[in-house]
Amino acid sequence: MTHSYWAAQWRYSKRRPERAEHLVHQDCLPALFRTRREAREYINEKYGYIRTRKDLRAEPHFWRMPRAVRVSVTWNKGDE
């Protein structure tokens, strides 16, 4: 069974040699949201400070704000 959700995708700048992207986790699981608005509100609440921190956006960190992305989640029922 596949469901569509929204998640926050953490990313580094393109200027960094090894471009890294991964989903933001909360309590050891990806933080999933039913709507894009919920995902964006979570991102602004938790990571909004990055927008004003030039020191974090510059070398050596190259941080950027996470983005709201659509993800598909497939639930596999265990063998019975």
C-alpha atoms as a PDB file:
ATOM      1  CA  MET A   1       0.000   0.000   0.000  1.00  0.00           C
ATOM      2  CA  THR A   2       1.507   3.351  -1.076  1.00  0.00           C
ATOM      3  CA  HIS A   3       0.639   6.740   0.412  1.00  0.00           C
ATOM      4  CA  SER A   4       1.788  10.215  -0.577  1.00  0.00           C
ATOM      5  CA  TYR A   5       3.101  12.565   2.122  1.00  0.00           C
ATOM      6  CA  TRP A   6       5.224  15.679   2.451  1.00  0.00           C
ATOM      7  CA  ALA A   7       8.635  15.733   4.132  1.00  0.00           C
ATOM      8  CA  ALA A   8      11.429  18.212   4.811  1.00  0.00           C
ATOM      9  CA  GLN A   9      14.556  17.572   2.745  1.00  0.00           C
ATOM     10  CA  TRP A  10      17.815  18.814   4.228  1.00  0.00           C
ATOM     11  CA  ARG A  11      20.362  19.915   1.640  1.00  0.00           C
ATOM     12  CA  TYR A  12      23.779  21.481   1.367  1.00  0.00           C
ATOM     13  CA  SER A  13      24.892  24.087  -1.125  1.00  0.00           C
ATOM     14  CA  LYS A  14      25.829  23.151  -4.672  1.00  0.00           C
ATOM     15  CA  ARG A  15      29.241  24.695  -4.040  1.00  0.00           C
ATOM     16  CA  ARG A  16      30.144  21.886  -1.684  1.00  0.00           C
ATOM     17  CA  PRO A  17      31.918  19.050  -3.547  1.00  0.00           C
ATOM     18  CA  GLU A  18      29.813  16.243  -2.069  1.00  0.00           C
ATOM     19  CA  ARG A  19      26.242  17.449  -2.425  1.00  0.00           C
ATOM     20  CA  ALA A  20      24.209  15.889   0.334  1.00  0.00           C
ATOM     21  CA  GLU A  21      20.440  15.590   0.574  1.00  0.00           C
ATOM     22  CA  HIS A  22      18.434  13.633   3.101  1.00  0.00           C
ATOM     23  CA  LEU A  23      15.073  13.767   4.834  1.00  0.00           C
ATOM     24  CA  VAL A  24      14.796  15.505   8.188  1.00  0.00           C
ATOM     25  CA  HIS A  25      14.215  13.015  10.989  1.00  0.00           C
ATOM     26  CA  GLN A  26      12.195  13.395  14.161  1.00  0.00           C
ATOM     27  CA  ASP A  27      12.344  10.705  16.867  1.00  0.00           C
ATOM     28  CA  CYS A  28      14.482   8.434  14.633  1.00  0.00           C
ATOM     29  CA  LEU A  29      11.908   8.449  11.806  1.00  0.00           C
ATOM     30  CA  PRO A  30      11.445  10.760   8.835  1.00  0.00           C
ATOM     31  CA  ALA A  31       9.216  13.713   9.742  1.00  0.00           C
ATOM     32  CA  LEU A  32       6.145  13.235   7.493  1.00  0.00           C
ATOM     33  CA  PHE A  33       3.243  15.635   7.006  1.00  0.00           C
ATOM     34  CA  ARG A  34      -0.136  15.335   5.315  1.00  0.00           C
ATOM     35  CA  THR A  35       0.034  18.770   3.665  1.00  0.00           C
ATOM     36  CA  ARG A  36       2.746  20.951   2.164  1.00  0.00           C
ATOM     37  CA  ARG A  37       1.670  23.766   4.471  1.00  0.00           C
ATOM     38  CA  GLU A  38       2.337  21.618   7.565  1.00  0.00           C
ATOM     39  CA  ALA A  39       5.785  20.706   6.243  1.00  0.00           C
ATOM     40  CA  ARG A  40       6.661  24.349   5.511  1.00  0.00           C
ATOM     41  CA  GLU A  41       5.472  25.495   8.938  1.00  0.00           C
ATOM     42  CA  TYR A  42       7.629  22.818  10.586  1.00  0.00           C
ATOM     43  CA  ILE A  43      10.642  23.887   8.510  1.00  0.00           C
ATOM     44  CA  ASN A  44      10.179  27.568   9.365  1.00  0.00           C
ATOM     45  CA  GLU A  45       9.709  26.820  13.057  1.00  0.00           C
ATOM     46  CA  LYS A  46      12.682  24.487  13.399  1.00  0.00           C
ATOM     47  CA  TYR A  47      15.152  25.808  10.792  1.00  0.00           C
ATOM     48  CA  GLY A  48      14.043  29.390  10.111  1.00  0.00           C
ATOM     49  CA  TYR A  49      17.140  30.785  11.830  1.00  0.00           C
ATOM     50  CA  ILE A  50      19.312  29.616   8.923  1.00  0.00           C
ATOM     51  CA  ARG A  51      17.741  32.286   6.707  1.00  0.00           C
ATOM     52  CA  THR A  52      19.420  35.059   8.705  1.00  0.00           C
ATOM     53  CA  ARG A  53      22.705  33.336   9.603  1.00  0.00           C
ATOM     54  CA  LYS A  54      25.249  34.213   6.927  1.00  0.00           C
ATOM     55  CA  ASP A  55      27.954  32.386   8.891  1.00  0.00           C
ATOM     56  CA  LEU A  56      26.055  29.088   8.497  1.00  0.00           C
ATOM     57  CA  ARG A  57      25.345  29.694   4.818  1.00  0.00           C
ATOM     58  CA  ALA A  58      29.036  30.336   4.074  1.00  0.00           C
ATOM     59  CA  GLU A  59      32.104  28.105   4.169  1.00  0.00           C
ATOM     60  CA  PRO A  60      32.649  25.634   5.829  1.00  0.00           C
ATOM     61  CA  HIS A  61      28.965  24.815   6.478  1.00  0.00           C
ATOM     62  CA  PHE A  62      27.143  25.816   3.263  1.00  0.00           C
ATOM     63  CA  TRP A  63      23.748  25.172   4.922  1.00  0.00           C
ATOM     64  CA  ARG A  64      20.493  25.970   3.162  1.00  0.00           C
ATOM     65  CA  MET A  65      16.912  25.899   4.392  1.00  0.00           C
ATOM     66  CA  PRO A  66      15.284  22.482   4.086  1.00  0.00           C
ATOM     67  CA  ARG A  67      12.637  22.181   1.376  1.00  0.00           C
ATOM     68  CA  ALA A  68       9.202  20.632   1.479  1.00  0.00           C
ATOM     69  CA  VAL A  69       9.179  17.662  -0.910  1.00  0.00           C
ATOM     70  CA  ARG A  70       6.544  15.104  -1.807  1.00  0.00           C
ATOM     71  CA  VAL A  71       7.440  11.539  -0.891  1.00  0.00           C
ATOM     72  CA  SER A  72       5.754   8.197  -1.478  1.00  0.00           C
ATOM     73  CA  VAL A  73       5.690   5.792   1.430  1.00  0.00           C
ATOM     74  CA  THR A  74       5.072   2.106   0.847  1.00  0.00           C
ATOM     75  CA  TRP A  75       3.875   0.089   3.814  1.00  0.00           C
ATOM     76  CA  ASN A  76       4.874  -3.553   3.601  1.00  0.00           C
ATOM     77  CA  LYS A  77       2.891  -6.014   5.616  1.00  0.00           C
ATOM     78  CA  GLY A  78       5.113  -8.684   7.164  1.00  0.00           C
ATOM     79  CA  ASP A  79       4.983 -12.277   5.998  1.00  0.00           C
ATOM     80  CA  GLU A  80       2.228 -14.164   7.750  1.00  0.00           C
END
